[in-house]
Amino acid sequence: LPEDPVARAQLMRENMRVMEPEPSPMAVEDTIPGPAGDIPVR
């Protein structure tokens, strides 16, 4: 594991992507306004 928290978190995210399910055909991606810019939503 990398010592740097950001690098470690990014590696964990890459590993999790392998386990993600197939996307639902019902899902629609969009954005809504947020405190630091648009927030992606599903």
All heavy atoms as atom14 arrays in JSON, in Angstrom:
{
  "sequence": "LPEDPVARAQLMRENMRVMEPEPSPMAVEDTIPGPAGDIPVR",
  "atom14_mask": [
    [1, 1, 1, 1, 1, 1, 1, 1, 0, 0, 0, 0, 0, 0],
    [1, 1, 1, 1, 1, 1, 1, 0, 0, 0, 0, 0, 0, 0],
    [1, 1, 1, 1, 1, 1, 1, 1, 1, 0, 0, 0, 0, 0],
    [1, 1, 1, 1, 1, 1, 1, 1, 0, 0, 0, 0, 0, 0],
    [1, 1, 1, 1, 1, 1, 1, 0, 0, 0, 0, 0, 0, 0],
    [1, 1, 1, 1, 1, 1, 1, 0, 0, 0, 0, 0, 0, 0],
    [1, 1, 1, 1, 1, 0, 0, 0, 0, 0, 0, 0, 0, 0],
    [1, 1, 1, 1, 1, 1, 1, 1, 1, 1, 1, 0, 0, 0],
    [1, 1, 1, 1, 1, 0, 0, 0, 0, 0, 0, 0, 0, 0],
    [1, 1, 1, 1, 1, 1, 1, 1, 1, 0, 0, 0, 0, 0],
    [1, 1, 1, 1, 1, 1, 1, 1, 0, 0, 0, 0, 0, 0],
    [1, 1, 1, 1, 1, 1, 1, 1, 0, 0, 0, 0, 0, 0],
    [1, 1, 1, 1, 1, 1, 1, 1, 1, 1, 1, 0, 0, 0],
    [1, 1, 1, 1, 1, 1, 1, 1, 1, 0, 0, 0, 0, 0],
    [1, 1, 1, 1, 1, 1, 1, 1, 0, 0, 0, 0, 0, 0],
    [1, 1, 1, 1, 1, 1, 1, 1, 0, 0, 0, 0, 0, 0],
    [1, 1, 1, 1, 1, 1, 1, 1, 1, 1, 1, 0, 0, 0],
    [1, 1, 1, 1, 1, 1, 1, 0, 0, 0, 0, 0, 0, 0],
    [1, 1, 1, 1, 1, 1, 1, 1, 0, 0, 0, 0, 0, 0],
    [1, 1, 1, 1, 1, 1, 1, 1, 1, 0, 0, 0, 0, 0],
    [1, 1, 1, 1, 1, 1, 1, 0, 0, 0, 0, 0, 0, 0],
    [1, 1, 1, 1, 1, 1, 1, 1, 1, 0, 0, 0, 0, 0],
    [1, 1, 1, 1, 1, 1, 1, 0, 0, 0, 0, 0, 0, 0],
    [1, 1, 1, 1, 1, 1, 0, 0, 0, 0, 0, 0, 0, 0],
    [1, 1, 1, 1, 1, 1, 1, 0, 0, 0, 0, 0, 0, 0],
    [1, 1, 1, 1, 1, 1, 1, 1, 0, 0, 0, 0, 0, 0],
    [1, 1, 1, 1, 1, 0, 0, 0, 0, 0, 0, 0, 0, 0],
    [1, 1, 1, 1, 1, 1, 1, 0, 0, 0, 0, 0, 0, 0],
    [1, 1, 1, 1, 1, 1, 1, 1, 1, 0, 0, 0, 0, 0],
    [1, 1, 1, 1, 1, 1, 1, 1, 0, 0, 0, 0, 0, 0],
    [1, 1, 1, 1, 1, 1, 1, 0, 0, 0, 0, 0, 0, 0],
    [1, 1, 1, 1, 1, 1, 1, 1, 0, 0, 0, 0, 0, 0],
    [1, 1, 1, 1, 1, 1, 1, 0, 0, 0, 0, 0, 0, 0],
    [1, 1, 1, 1, 0, 0, 0, 0, 0, 0, 0, 0, 0, 0],
    [1, 1, 1, 1, 1, 1, 1, 0, 0, 0, 0, 0, 0, 0],
    [1, 1, 1, 1, 1, 0, 0, 0, 0, 0, 0, 0, 0, 0],
    [1, 1, 1, 1, 0, 0, 0, 0, 0, 0, 0, 0, 0, 0],
    [1, 1, 1, 1, 1, 1, 1, 1, 0, 0, 0, 0, 0, 0],
    [1, 1, 1, 1, 1, 1, 1, 1, 0, 0, 0, 0, 0, 0],
    [1, 1, 1, 1, 1, 1, 1, 0, 0, 0, 0, 0, 0, 0],
    [1, 1, 1, 1, 1, 1, 1, 0, 0, 0, 0, 0, 0, 0],
    [1, 1, 1, 1, 1, 1, 1, 1, 1, 1, 1, 0, 0, 0]
  ],
  "atom14_positions": [
    [[0.83, -1.2, 0.0], [0.0, 0.0, 0.0], [0.87, 1.26, 0.0], [1.83, 1.35, 0.77], [-0.91, 0.02, 1.23], [-2.06, -0.98, 1.22], [-2.74, -1.0, 2.58], [-3.08, -0.66, 0.13], [0.0, 0.0, 0.0], [0.0, 0.0, 0.0], [0.0, 0.0, 0.0], [0.0, 0.0, 0.0], [0.0, 0.0, 0.0], [0.0, 0.0, 0.0]],
    [[0.54, 2.23, -0.83], [1.29, 3.49, -0.81], [1.11, 4.21, 0.53], [0.06, 4.11, 1.16], [0.66, 4.3, -1.95], [-0.09, 3.31, -2.78], [-0.5, 2.21, -1.86], [0.0, 0.0, 0.0], [0.0, 0.0, 0.0], [0.0, 0.0, 0.0], [0.0, 0.0, 0.0], [0.0, 0.0, 0.0], [0.0, 0.0, 0.0], [0.0, 0.0, 0.0]],
    [[2.11, 4.93, 0.96], [2.02, 5.69, 2.19], [1.15, 6.93, 2.0], [0.43, 7.34, 2.91], [3.41, 6.11, 2.67], [4.26, 4.95, 3.18], [3.7, 4.35, 4.46], [3.09, 5.09, 5.25], [3.86, 3.13, 4.65], [0.0, 0.0, 0.0], [0.0, 0.0, 0.0], [0.0, 0.0, 0.0], [0.0, 0.0, 0.0], [0.0, 0.0, 0.0]],
    [[1.22, 7.53, 0.81], [0.45, 8.74, 0.54], [-1.04, 8.42, 0.52], [-1.48, 7.53, -0.21], [0.86, 9.33, -0.81], [0.03, 10.54, -1.17], [0.14, 11.56, -0.47], [-0.74, 10.45, -2.14], [0.0, 0.0, 0.0], [0.0, 0.0, 0.0], [0.0, 0.0, 0.0], [0.0, 0.0, 0.0], [0.0, 0.0, 0.0], [0.0, 0.0, 0.0]],
    [[-1.86, 9.12, 1.33], [-3.29, 8.8, 1.4], [-4.01, 8.9, 0.06], [-4.87, 8.08, -0.25], [-3.83, 9.83, 2.4], [-2.66, 10.2, 3.23], [-1.48, 10.15, 2.3], [0.0, 0.0, 0.0], [0.0, 0.0, 0.0], [0.0, 0.0, 0.0], [0.0, 0.0, 0.0], [0.0, 0.0, 0.0], [0.0, 0.0, 0.0], [0.0, 0.0, 0.0]],
    [[-3.67, 9.92, -0.75], [-4.34, 10.07, -2.04], [-4.0, 8.91, -2.96], [-4.89, 8.33, -3.6], [-3.95, 11.42, -2.69], [-4.53, 11.51, -4.11], [-4.45, 12.59, -1.85], [0.0, 0.0, 0.0], [0.0, 0.0, 0.0], [0.0, 0.0, 0.0], [0.0, 0.0, 0.0], [0.0, 0.0, 0.0], [0.0, 0.0, 0.0], [0.0, 0.0, 0.0]],
    [[-2.73, 8.54, -3.04], [-2.33, 7.41, -3.88], [-2.97, 6.12, -3.41], [-3.4, 5.28, -4.21], [-0.8, 7.28, -3.88], [0.0, 0.0, 0.0], [0.0, 0.0, 0.0], [0.0, 0.0, 0.0], [0.0, 0.0, 0.0], [0.0, 0.0, 0.0], [0.0, 0.0, 0.0], [0.0, 0.0, 0.0], [0.0, 0.0, 0.0], [0.0, 0.0, 0.0]],
    [[-3.04, 5.95, -2.1], [-3.66, 4.74, -1.55], [-5.15, 4.68, -1.88], [-5.67, 3.64, -2.28], [-3.44, 4.7, -0.04], [-3.99, 3.45, 0.65], [-3.56, 3.43, 2.1], [-4.18, 2.35, 2.85], [-3.95, 2.1, 4.13], [-3.09, 2.85, 4.81], [-4.57, 1.12, 4.75], [0.0, 0.0, 0.0], [0.0, 0.0, 0.0], [0.0, 0.0, 0.0]],
    [[-5.82, 5.81, -1.73], [-7.25, 5.86, -2.05], [-7.49, 5.59, -3.53], [-8.43, 4.87, -3.9], [-7.83, 7.22, -1.66], [0.0, 0.0, 0.0], [0.0, 0.0, 0.0], [0.0, 0.0, 0.0], [0.0, 0.0, 0.0], [0.0, 0.0, 0.0], [0.0, 0.0, 0.0], [0.0, 0.0, 0.0], [0.0, 0.0, 0.0], [0.0, 0.0, 0.0]],
    [[-6.65, 6.14, -4.39], [-6.81, 5.92, -5.82], [-6.62, 4.45, -6.18], [-7.33, 3.91, -7.04], [-5.83, 6.8, -6.59], [-6.18, 8.28, -6.55], [-5.13, 9.17, -7.16], [-3.97, 8.75, -7.37], [-5.49, 10.41, -7.45], [0.0, 0.0, 0.0], [0.0, 0.0, 0.0], [0.0, 0.0, 0.0], [0.0, 0.0, 0.0], [0.0, 0.0, 0.0]],
    [[-5.68, 3.78, -5.53], [-5.48, 2.36, -5.77], [-6.69, 1.55, -5.31], [-7.12, 0.61, -6.0], [-4.22, 1.89, -5.05], [-3.75, 0.46, -5.31], [-3.5, 0.23, -6.81], [-2.48, 0.16, -4.51], [0.0, 0.0, 0.0], [0.0, 0.0, 0.0], [0.0, 0.0, 0.0], [0.0, 0.0, 0.0], [0.0, 0.0, 0.0], [0.0, 0.0, 0.0]],
    [[-7.26, 1.92, -4.18], [-8.46, 1.25, -3.68], [-9.62, 1.43, -4.64], [-10.41, 0.51, -4.87], [-8.81, 1.77, -2.29], [-7.78, 1.42, -1.22], [-8.06, 2.29, 0.35], [-9.56, 1.47, 0.92], [0.0, 0.0, 0.0], [0.0, 0.0, 0.0], [0.0, 0.0, 0.0], [0.0, 0.0, 0.0], [0.0, 0.0, 0.0], [0.0, 0.0, 0.0]],
    [[-9.74, 2.62, -5.23], [-10.82, 2.89, -6.19], [-10.66, 2.03, -7.44], [-11.64, 1.49, -7.98], [-10.84, 4.37, -6.57], [-11.25, 5.28, -5.43], [-10.96, 6.74, -5.75], [-11.02, 7.55, -4.54], [-10.46, 8.75, -4.41], [-9.8, 9.27, -5.44], [-10.56, 9.41, -3.28], [0.0, 0.0, 0.0], [0.0, 0.0, 0.0], [0.0, 0.0, 0.0]],
    [[-9.43, 1.89, -7.91], [-9.18, 1.05, -9.09], [-9.57, -0.4, -8.81], [-10.16, -1.07, -9.67], [-7.7, 1.14, -9.47], [-7.29, 2.49, -10.03], [-5.78, 2.6, -10.21], [-5.09, 1.57, -10.04], [-5.29, 3.71, -10.51], [0.0, 0.0, 0.0], [0.0, 0.0, 0.0], [0.0, 0.0, 0.0], [0.0, 0.0, 0.0], [0.0, 0.0, 0.0]],
    [[-9.25, -0.9, -7.63], [-9.61, -2.28, -7.29], [-11.13, -2.46, -7.2], [-11.66, -3.49, -7.61], [-8.97, -2.68, -5.96], [-7.49, -2.94, -6.11], [-7.01, -3.14, -7.23], [-6.75, -2.94, -5.02], [0.0, 0.0, 0.0], [0.0, 0.0, 0.0], [0.0, 0.0, 0.0], [0.0, 0.0, 0.0], [0.0, 0.0, 0.0], [0.0, 0.0, 0.0]],
    [[-11.82, -1.45, -6.68], [-13.27, -1.56, -6.54], [-13.96, -1.56, -7.91], [-14.99, -2.21, -8.09], [-13.81, -0.42, -5.68], [-15.33, -0.44, -5.53], [-15.93, 0.63, -4.21], [-15.63, -0.41, -2.79], [0.0, 0.0, 0.0], [0.0, 0.0, 0.0], [0.0, 0.0, 0.0], [0.0, 0.0, 0.0], [0.0, 0.0, 0.0], [0.0, 0.0, 0.0]],
    [[-13.4, -0.86, -8.87], [-14.0, -0.81, -10.21], [-14.14, -2.2, -10.82], [-15.06, -2.47, -11.59], [-13.15, 0.06, -11.13], [-13.24, 1.55, -10.85], [-14.5, 2.14, -11.42], [-14.59, 3.58, -11.2], [-15.61, 4.32, -11.57], [-16.65, 3.76, -12.16], [-15.63, 5.62, -11.34], [0.0, 0.0, 0.0], [0.0, 0.0, 0.0], [0.0, 0.0, 0.0]],
    [[-13.24, -3.1, -10.46], [-13.27, -4.45, -11.0], [-14.53, -5.19, -10.55], [-15.05, -6.06, -11.26], [-12.01, -5.24, -10.56], [-12.06, -6.67, -11.04], [-10.76, -4.54, -11.08], [0.0, 0.0, 0.0], [0.0, 0.0, 0.0], [0.0, 0.0, 0.0], [0.0, 0.0, 0.0], [0.0, 0.0, 0.0], [0.0, 0.0, 0.0], [0.0, 0.0, 0.0]],
    [[-15.06, -4.82, -9.39], [-16.19, -5.54, -8.8], [-17.54, -4.88, -9.07], [-18.56, -5.36, -8.61], [-15.99, -5.68, -7.29], [-14.75, -6.44, -6.9], [-14.61, -6.67, -5.11], [-14.27, -4.98, -4.57], [0.0, 0.0, 0.0], [0.0, 0.0, 0.0], [0.0, 0.0, 0.0], [0.0, 0.0, 0.0], [0.0, 0.0, 0.0], [0.0, 0.0, 0.0]],
    [[-17.56, -3.76, -9.79], [-18.82, -3.05, -9.96], [-19.77, -3.8, -10.88], [-19.36, -4.49, -11.81], [-18.57, -1.64, -10.49], [-18.09, -1.57, -11.92], [-17.79, -0.13, -12.34], [-17.58, 0.71, -11.47], [-17.76, 0.11, -13.56], [0.0, 0.0, 0.0], [0.0, 0.0, 0.0], [0.0, 0.0, 0.0], [0.0, 0.0, 0.0], [0.0, 0.0, 0.0]],
    [[-21.07, -3.69, -10.63], [-22.06, -4.4, -11.44], [-22.28, -3.73, -12.79], [-21.84, -2.6, -13.03], [-23.33, -4.32, -10.58], [-23.16, -3.0, -9.85], [-21.68, -2.89, -9.56], [0.0, 0.0, 0.0], [0.0, 0.0, 0.0], [0.0, 0.0, 0.0], [0.0, 0.0, 0.0], [0.0, 0.0, 0.0], [0.0, 0.0, 0.0], [0.0, 0.0, 0.0]],
    [[-22.98, -4.44, -13.65], [-23.38, -3.84, -14.92], [-24.35, -2.69, -14.66], [-25.18, -2.75, -13.75], [-24.06, -4.89, -15.8], [-23.13, -5.95, -16.34], [-22.1, -5.36, -17.3], [-22.48, -4.49, -18.12], [-20.92, -5.75, -17.22], [0.0, 0.0, 0.0], [0.0, 0.0, 0.0], [0.0, 0.0, 0.0], [0.0, 0.0, 0.0], [0.0, 0.0, 0.0]],
    [[-24.25, -1.61, -15.43], [-25.15, -0.48, -15.19], [-26.6, -0.84, -15.5], [-26.89, -1.63, -16.4], [-24.63, 0.59, -16.15], [-23.89, -0.17, -17.21], [-23.31, -1.36, -16.53], [0.0, 0.0, 0.0], [0.0, 0.0, 0.0], [0.0, 0.0, 0.0], [0.0, 0.0, 0.0], [0.0, 0.0, 0.0], [0.0, 0.0, 0.0], [0.0, 0.0, 0.0]],
    [[-27.5, -0.27, -14.76], [-28.92, -0.48, -14.99], [-29.38, 0.31, -16.2], [-29.04, 1.48, -16.35], [-29.72, -0.04, -13.76], [-31.09, 0.12, -14.07], [0.0, 0.0, 0.0], [0.0, 0.0, 0.0], [0.0, 0.0, 0.0], [0.0, 0.0, 0.0], [0.0, 0.0, 0.0], [0.0, 0.0, 0.0], [0.0, 0.0, 0.0], [0.0, 0.0, 0.0]],
    [[-30.18, -0.31, -17.09], [-30.71, 0.44, -18.23], [-31.7, 1.52, -17.81], [-32.01, 2.43, -18.6], [-31.4, -0.64, -19.07], [-31.69, -1.75, -18.11], [-30.59, -1.72, -17.1], [0.0, 0.0, 0.0], [0.0, 0.0, 0.0], [0.0, 0.0, 0.0], [0.0, 0.0, 0.0], [0.0, 0.0, 0.0], [0.0, 0.0, 0.0], [0.0, 0.0, 0.0]],
    [[-32.16, 1.44, -16.56], [-33.1, 2.44, -16.07], [-32.4, 3.71, -15.61], [-33.01, 4.77, -15.52], [-33.92, 1.85, -14.91], [-35.05, 2.71, -14.4], [-35.95, 1.89, -13.04], [-37.27, 3.08, -12.75], [0.0, 0.0, 0.0], [0.0, 0.0, 0.0], [0.0, 0.0, 0.0], [0.0, 0.0, 0.0], [0.0, 0.0, 0.0], [0.0, 0.0, 0.0]],
    [[-31.12, 3.62, -15.31], [-30.38, 4.74, -14.73], [-30.17, 5.85, -15.75], [-29.85, 5.59, -16.91], [-29.04, 4.26, -14.19], [0.0, 0.0, 0.0], [0.0, 0.0, 0.0], [0.0, 0.0, 0.0], [0.0, 0.0, 0.0], [0.0, 0.0, 0.0], [0.0, 0.0, 0.0], [0.0, 0.0, 0.0], [0.0, 0.0, 0.0], [0.0, 0.0, 0.0]],
    [[-30.32, 7.08, -15.3], [-30.07, 8.27, -16.11], [-29.07, 9.14, -15.36], [-29.28, 9.49, -14.19], [-31.37, 9.06, -16.37], [-31.05, 10.36, -17.11], [-32.36, 8.22, -17.15], [0.0, 0.0, 0.0], [0.0, 0.0, 0.0], [0.0, 0.0, 0.0], [0.0, 0.0, 0.0], [0.0, 0.0, 0.0], [0.0, 0.0, 0.0], [0.0, 0.0, 0.0]],
    [[-27.98, 9.48, -16.02], [-26.97, 10.34, -15.41], [-27.31, 11.8, -15.65], [-27.75, 12.18, -16.74], [-25.59, 10.01, -15.96], [-25.1, 8.62, -15.59], [-23.68, 8.36, -16.06], [-23.17, 9.16, -16.87], [-23.09, 7.35, -15.61], [0.0, 0.0, 0.0], [0.0, 0.0, 0.0], [0.0, 0.0, 0.0], [0.0, 0.0, 0.0], [0.0, 0.0, 0.0]],
    [[-27.1, 12.62, -14.62], [-27.41, 14.04, -14.71], [-26.5, 14.77, -13.72], [-25.66, 14.16, -13.06], [-28.88, 14.27, -14.38], [-29.43, 15.56, -14.98], [-28.62, 16.42, -15.39], [-30.67, 15.72, -15.02], [0.0, 0.0, 0.0], [0.0, 0.0, 0.0], [0.0, 0.0, 0.0], [0.0, 0.0, 0.0], [0.0, 0.0, 0.0], [0.0, 0.0, 0.0]],
    [[-26.68, 16.06, -13.6], [-25.98, 16.85, -12.6], [-26.96, 17.79, -11.93], [-28.0, 18.16, -12.52], [-24.82, 17.67, -13.19], [-25.34, 18.59, -14.15], [-23.77, 16.78, -13.83], [0.0, 0.0, 0.0], [0.0, 0.0, 0.0], [0.0, 0.0, 0.0], [0.0, 0.0, 0.0], [0.0, 0.0, 0.0], [0.0, 0.0, 0.0], [0.0, 0.0, 0.0]],
    [[-26.64, 18.18, -10.7], [-27.41, 19.19, -9.99], [-26.43, 20.2, -9.43], [-25.25, 19.89, -9.24], [-28.26, 18.57, -8.86], [-27.36, 17.88, -7.83], [-29.29, 17.6, -9.41], [-28.1, 17.41, -6.58], [0.0, 0.0, 0.0], [0.0, 0.0, 0.0], [0.0, 0.0, 0.0], [0.0, 0.0, 0.0], [0.0, 0.0, 0.0], [0.0, 0.0, 0.0]],
    [[-26.86, 21.41, -9.12], [-25.94, 22.42, -8.57], [-25.47, 22.02, -7.18], [-26.24, 21.48, -6.37], [-26.8, 23.69, -8.52], [-27.95, 23.43, -9.42], [-28.2, 21.96, -9.38], [0.0, 0.0, 0.0], [0.0, 0.0, 0.0], [0.0, 0.0, 0.0], [0.0, 0.0, 0.0], [0.0, 0.0, 0.0], [0.0, 0.0, 0.0], [0.0, 0.0, 0.0]],
    [[-24.2, 22.27, -6.89], [-23.65, 21.97, -5.58], [-22.82, 23.1, -5.05], [-22.59, 24.11, -5.75], [0.0, 0.0, 0.0], [0.0, 0.0, 0.0], [0.0, 0.0, 0.0], [0.0, 0.0, 0.0], [0.0, 0.0, 0.0], [0.0, 0.0, 0.0], [0.0, 0.0, 0.0], [0.0, 0.0, 0.0], [0.0, 0.0, 0.0], [0.0, 0.0, 0.0]],
    [[-22.33, 22.99, -3.84], [-21.57, 24.08, -3.22], [-20.21, 24.33, -3.86], [-19.61, 25.38, -3.65], [-21.41, 23.62, -1.76], [-21.55, 22.13, -1.82], [-22.52, 21.86, -2.92], [0.0, 0.0, 0.0], [0.0, 0.0, 0.0], [0.0, 0.0, 0.0], [0.0, 0.0, 0.0], [0.0, 0.0, 0.0], [0.0, 0.0, 0.0], [0.0, 0.0, 0.0]],
    [[-19.71, 23.35, -4.63], [-18.4, 23.52, -5.28], [-18.48, 23.22, -6.77], [-17.52, 22.8, -7.39], [-17.37, 22.61, -4.63], [0.0, 0.0, 0.0], [0.0, 0.0, 0.0], [0.0, 0.0, 0.0], [0.0, 0.0, 0.0], [0.0, 0.0, 0.0], [0.0, 0.0, 0.0], [0.0, 0.0, 0.0], [0.0, 0.0, 0.0], [0.0, 0.0, 0.0]],
    [[-19.66, 23.44, -7.35], [-19.87, 23.12, -8.76], [-20.91, 22.04, -8.92], [-21.52, 21.58, -7.94], [0.0, 0.0, 0.0], [0.0, 0.0, 0.0], [0.0, 0.0, 0.0], [0.0, 0.0, 0.0], [0.0, 0.0, 0.0], [0.0, 0.0, 0.0], [0.0, 0.0, 0.0], [0.0, 0.0, 0.0], [0.0, 0.0, 0.0], [0.0, 0.0, 0.0]],
    [[-21.13, 21.62, -10.15], [-22.15, 20.61, -10.41], [-21.79, 19.27, -9.75], [-20.63, 18.85, -9.76], [-22.33, 20.4, -11.91], [-23.05, 21.57, -12.57], [-23.63, 22.39, -11.84], [-23.02, 21.66, -13.81], [0.0, 0.0, 0.0], [0.0, 0.0, 0.0], [0.0, 0.0, 0.0], [0.0, 0.0, 0.0], [0.0, 0.0, 0.0], [0.0, 0.0, 0.0]],
    [[-22.82, 18.62, -9.21], [-22.66, 17.3, -8.58], [-23.26, 16.25, -9.51], [-24.44, 16.33, -9.87], [-23.4, 17.24, -7.23], [-22.93, 18.35, -6.29], [-23.22, 15.87, -6.58], [-23.78, 18.47, -5.03], [0.0, 0.0, 0.0], [0.0, 0.0, 0.0], [0.0, 0.0, 0.0], [0.0, 0.0, 0.0], [0.0, 0.0, 0.0], [0.0, 0.0, 0.0]],
    [[-22.49, 15.24, -9.92], [-23.07, 14.16, -10.72], [-24.08, 13.35, -9.88], [-23.86, 13.1, -8.69], [-21.86, 13.3, -11.09], [-20.67, 14.16, -10.84], [-21.04, 15.07, -9.73], [0.0, 0.0, 0.0], [0.0, 0.0, 0.0], [0.0, 0.0, 0.0], [0.0, 0.0, 0.0], [0.0, 0.0, 0.0], [0.0, 0.0, 0.0], [0.0, 0.0, 0.0]],
    [[-25.18, 12.99, -10.51], [-26.18, 12.16, -9.84], [-26.66, 11.08, -10.81], [-26.5, 11.19, -12.02], [-27.38, 13.0, -9.36], [-26.96, 14.01, -8.31], [-28.07, 13.71, -10.53], [0.0, 0.0, 0.0], [0.0, 0.0, 0.0], [0.0, 0.0, 0.0], [0.0, 0.0, 0.0], [0.0, 0.0, 0.0], [0.0, 0.0, 0.0], [0.0, 0.0, 0.0]],
    [[-27.24, 10.06, -10.24], [-27.76, 8.93, -11.02], [-29.22, 8.76, -10.61], [-29.51, 8.56, -9.43], [-26.94, 7.68, -10.71], [-27.0, 6.58, -11.75], [-25.85, 5.6, -11.5], [-25.91, 4.44, -12.38], [-25.43, 4.43, -13.61], [-24.87, 5.52, -14.1], [-25.52, 3.35, -14.36], [0.0, 0.0, 0.0], [0.0, 0.0, 0.0], [0.0, 0.0, 0.0]]
  ]
}
